[in-house]
């Protein structure tokens, strides 16, 4: 019975595992118009008006568009000047600031008496940026949104890591297209 971890230890381990997993992963959700037959869409083009409104730098826009293009081409789509779908993106980010106090316990020579038991603390401040990428697929004829994929995850400023992260965001979002056929 002595080898069974306490409930507190187990809870701490679960929280740490979830925190580690959430930092390295992209969470994806998608939504779509259930009345649409997605098999009709074979070609795409980028919707410049929508992409221009995305509040990120042009380098990252190009990275995202290049990744979307390669993922859609891999799914059998063609780029066209008369597309079935228009692709637009939207981004947003939130900066998180976490302040943690690290408690330290000890004993030794103190100012109040020759012996004391003291508690000392140090603060750790960390910053992280959580980004959200929306990929919208718009029916080119009707000019209506038919599918939207959303990826959420933590961002980086390292160029190489950023390129890999953008590819991961886009590929995981596009992976959920087309929506699974309805089951009756």
Protein backbone atom coordinates (compact mmCIF):
# COMPACT_ATOMS: atom_id res chain seq x y z
CA UNK A 1 0.00 0.00 0.00
CA UNK A 2 2.96 2.35 0.48
CA UNK A 3 3.61 2.53 -3.29
CA UNK A 4 0.21 4.04 -4.10
CA UNK A 5 0.60 7.78 -4.81
CA UNK A 6 -1.58 10.14 -2.84
CA UNK A 7 -4.55 11.84 -4.43
CA UNK A 8 -2.71 15.16 -4.23
CA UNK A 9 0.34 13.75 -6.05
CA UNK A 10 -1.85 12.22 -8.74
CA UNK A 11 -3.75 15.49 -9.23
CA UNK A 12 -0.50 17.45 -9.58
CA UNK A 13 0.81 14.97 -12.15
CA UNK A 14 -2.41 15.18 -14.20
CA UNK A 15 -2.34 19.00 -14.17
CA UNK A 16 1.31 19.04 -15.25
CA UNK A 17 0.65 16.55 -18.05
CA UNK A 18 -2.26 18.66 -19.33
CA UNK A 19 -0.19 21.84 -19.15
CA UNK A 20 2.68 20.28 -21.09
CA UNK A 21 0.30 18.86 -23.70
CA UNK A 22 -1.58 22.12 -24.16
CA UNK A 23 1.62 24.11 -24.77
CA UNK A 24 2.70 21.94 -27.68
CA UNK A 25 -0.58 21.22 -29.37
CA UNK A 26 -3.08 22.91 -31.59
CA UNK A 27 -6.73 22.53 -30.71
CA UNK A 28 -9.00 22.45 -33.73
CA UNK A 29 -12.73 22.82 -34.19
CA UNK A 30 -14.76 23.31 -37.33
CA UNK A 31 -18.27 24.34 -38.24
CA UNK A 32 -20.13 24.03 -41.51
CA UNK A 33 -23.43 24.49 -43.30
CA UNK A 34 -25.15 21.10 -43.07
CA UNK A 35 -27.23 21.75 -46.19
CA UNK A 36 -24.15 21.97 -48.45
CA UNK A 37 -22.87 19.12 -50.64
CA UNK A 38 -19.10 19.53 -50.23
CA UNK A 39 -18.31 17.11 -53.05
CA UNK A 40 -19.26 19.86 -55.53
CA UNK A 41 -16.18 21.92 -54.63
CA UNK A 42 -13.11 21.19 -56.74
CA UNK A 43 -11.24 24.50 -57.05
CA UNK A 44 -10.24 27.44 -54.89
CA UNK A 45 -8.70 30.89 -54.89
CA UNK A 46 -7.68 33.20 -52.08
CA UNK A 47 -10.09 35.96 -51.09
CA UNK A 48 -7.73 38.93 -51.04
CA UNK A 49 -10.20 41.31 -49.37
CA UNK A 50 -10.55 38.99 -46.38
CA UNK A 51 -6.87 38.13 -46.15
CA UNK A 52 -5.86 41.80 -46.22
CA UNK A 53 -7.91 42.34 -43.04
CA UNK A 54 -5.96 39.71 -41.07
CA UNK A 55 -3.93 41.50 -38.40
CA UNK A 56 -0.59 39.78 -38.89
CA UNK A 57 2.49 40.69 -40.89
CA UNK A 58 2.71 39.94 -44.60
CA UNK A 59 5.41 37.30 -44.10
CA UNK A 60 3.13 35.26 -41.84
CA UNK A 61 0.21 35.77 -44.24
CA UNK A 62 2.32 34.30 -47.04
CA UNK A 63 3.35 31.39 -44.81
CA UNK A 64 -0.28 30.65 -43.97
CA UNK A 65 -1.46 30.97 -47.59
CA UNK A 66 1.37 28.74 -48.84
CA UNK A 67 0.48 26.10 -46.27
CA UNK A 68 -3.25 26.30 -47.07
CA UNK A 69 -2.47 26.00 -50.76
CA UNK A 70 -0.30 22.89 -50.32
CA UNK A 71 -2.85 21.25 -48.00
CA UNK A 72 -5.77 21.89 -50.37
CA UNK A 73 -3.76 20.72 -53.40
CA UNK A 74 -2.97 17.52 -51.46
CA UNK A 75 -6.73 17.04 -50.97
CA UNK A 76 -7.23 17.16 -54.76
CA UNK A 77 -8.27 20.80 -55.19
CA UNK A 78 -7.07 22.97 -58.06
CA UNK A 79 -6.20 26.66 -58.01
CA UNK A 80 -8.51 28.53 -60.37
CA UNK A 81 -9.40 31.99 -61.55
CA UNK A 82 -13.03 30.77 -61.63
CA UNK A 83 -13.02 28.96 -58.24
CA UNK A 84 -15.76 27.04 -56.48
CA UNK A 85 -14.43 28.19 -53.10
CA UNK A 86 -12.83 31.36 -51.85
CA UNK A 87 -10.36 30.96 -48.99
CA UNK A 88 -10.09 33.67 -46.36
CA UNK A 89 -8.25 33.86 -43.05
CA UNK A 90 -8.64 35.76 -39.83
CA UNK A 91 -6.28 35.80 -36.87
CA UNK A 92 -6.26 37.01 -33.31
CA UNK A 93 -3.94 36.63 -30.37
CA UNK A 94 -4.06 37.03 -26.62
CA UNK A 95 -1.01 37.56 -24.41
CA UNK A 96 -1.11 35.68 -21.12
CA UNK A 97 0.97 36.87 -18.19
CA UNK A 98 1.32 34.38 -15.35
CA UNK A 99 2.74 35.30 -11.95
CA UNK A 100 3.65 32.41 -9.69
CA UNK A 101 5.04 32.60 -6.18
CA UNK A 102 7.66 30.03 -5.28
CA UNK A 103 7.57 29.36 -1.54
CA UNK A 104 10.79 28.42 0.19
CA UNK A 105 10.98 27.06 3.70
CA UNK A 106 14.11 27.01 5.83
CA UNK A 107 15.73 27.58 9.15
CA UNK A 108 18.84 29.35 10.31
CA UNK A 109 20.11 32.42 12.06
CA UNK A 110 17.49 35.14 12.01
CA UNK A 111 17.08 38.72 13.09
CA UNK A 112 14.35 37.97 15.63
CA UNK A 113 16.14 35.22 17.53
CA UNK A 114 19.14 32.97 17.21
CA UNK A 115 16.90 30.33 15.63
CA UNK A 116 13.93 30.84 13.32
CA UNK A 117 11.75 29.00 10.88
CA UNK A 118 11.13 31.23 7.92
CA UNK A 119 9.16 31.34 4.75
CA UNK A 120 10.58 33.16 1.79
CA UNK A 121 9.07 33.64 -1.61
CA UNK A 122 10.21 34.47 -5.08
CA UNK A 123 7.98 35.49 -7.93
CA UNK A 124 8.25 34.06 -11.40
CA UNK A 125 6.64 35.96 -14.25
CA UNK A 126 6.09 34.22 -17.57
CA UNK A 127 4.49 35.40 -20.77
CA UNK A 128 2.93 33.37 -23.51
CA UNK A 129 0.88 34.27 -26.52
CA UNK A 130 -2.06 32.18 -27.57
CA UNK A 131 -3.03 32.57 -31.21
CA UNK A 132 -6.18 31.69 -33.08
CA UNK A 133 -6.29 31.05 -36.83
CA UNK A 134 -9.63 30.98 -38.63
CA UNK A 135 -9.76 29.50 -42.12
CA UNK A 136 -13.00 30.32 -43.92
CA UNK A 137 -14.20 28.57 -47.07
CA UNK A 138 -16.76 30.65 -48.92
CA UNK A 139 -18.99 29.45 -51.76
CA UNK A 140 -17.73 31.61 -54.65
CA UNK A 141 -21.10 31.76 -56.42
CA UNK A 142 -23.33 32.45 -53.44
CA UNK A 143 -20.72 34.48 -51.51
CA UNK A 144 -21.71 32.56 -48.35
CA UNK A 145 -19.53 30.96 -45.70
CA UNK A 146 -19.91 27.17 -45.99
CA UNK A 147 -17.10 25.91 -43.73
CA UNK A 148 -14.88 27.36 -41.02
CA UNK A 149 -11.93 25.72 -39.29
CA UNK A 150 -10.39 27.23 -36.18
CA UNK A 151 -7.02 26.34 -34.65
CA UNK A 152 -5.87 27.57 -31.25
CA UNK A 153 -2.41 27.19 -29.77
CA UNK A 154 0.61 28.91 -28.29
CA UNK A 155 2.79 31.01 -30.59
CA UNK A 156 6.53 31.51 -30.84
CA UNK A 157 8.80 34.26 -32.15
CA UNK A 158 11.56 31.91 -33.35
CA UNK A 159 11.40 31.96 -37.18
CA UNK A 160 12.04 28.24 -37.75
CA UNK A 161 9.62 27.21 -35.01
CA UNK A 162 7.05 29.71 -36.32
CA UNK A 163 7.15 28.18 -39.82
CA UNK A 164 6.67 24.69 -38.37
CA UNK A 165 3.87 25.91 -36.09
CA UNK A 166 2.02 27.61 -38.96
CA UNK A 167 2.23 24.39 -40.99
CA UNK A 168 0.93 22.44 -38.00
CA UNK A 169 -1.95 24.89 -37.42
CA UNK A 170 -3.01 24.82 -41.07
CA UNK A 171 -2.62 21.09 -41.66
CA UNK A 172 -4.60 20.20 -38.54
CA UNK A 173 -7.36 22.65 -39.45
CA UNK A 174 -7.57 21.53 -43.10
CA UNK A 175 -7.51 17.89 -41.97
CA UNK A 176 -11.07 18.37 -40.69
CA UNK A 177 -12.28 19.33 -44.20
CA UNK A 178 -14.52 18.12 -45.73
CA UNK A 179 -16.93 17.50 -42.89
CA UNK A 180 -17.86 13.90 -42.25
CA UNK A 181 -20.97 12.86 -44.12
CA UNK A 182 -24.16 13.03 -42.12
CA UNK A 183 -25.33 9.77 -40.63
CA UNK A 184 -29.05 9.16 -40.44
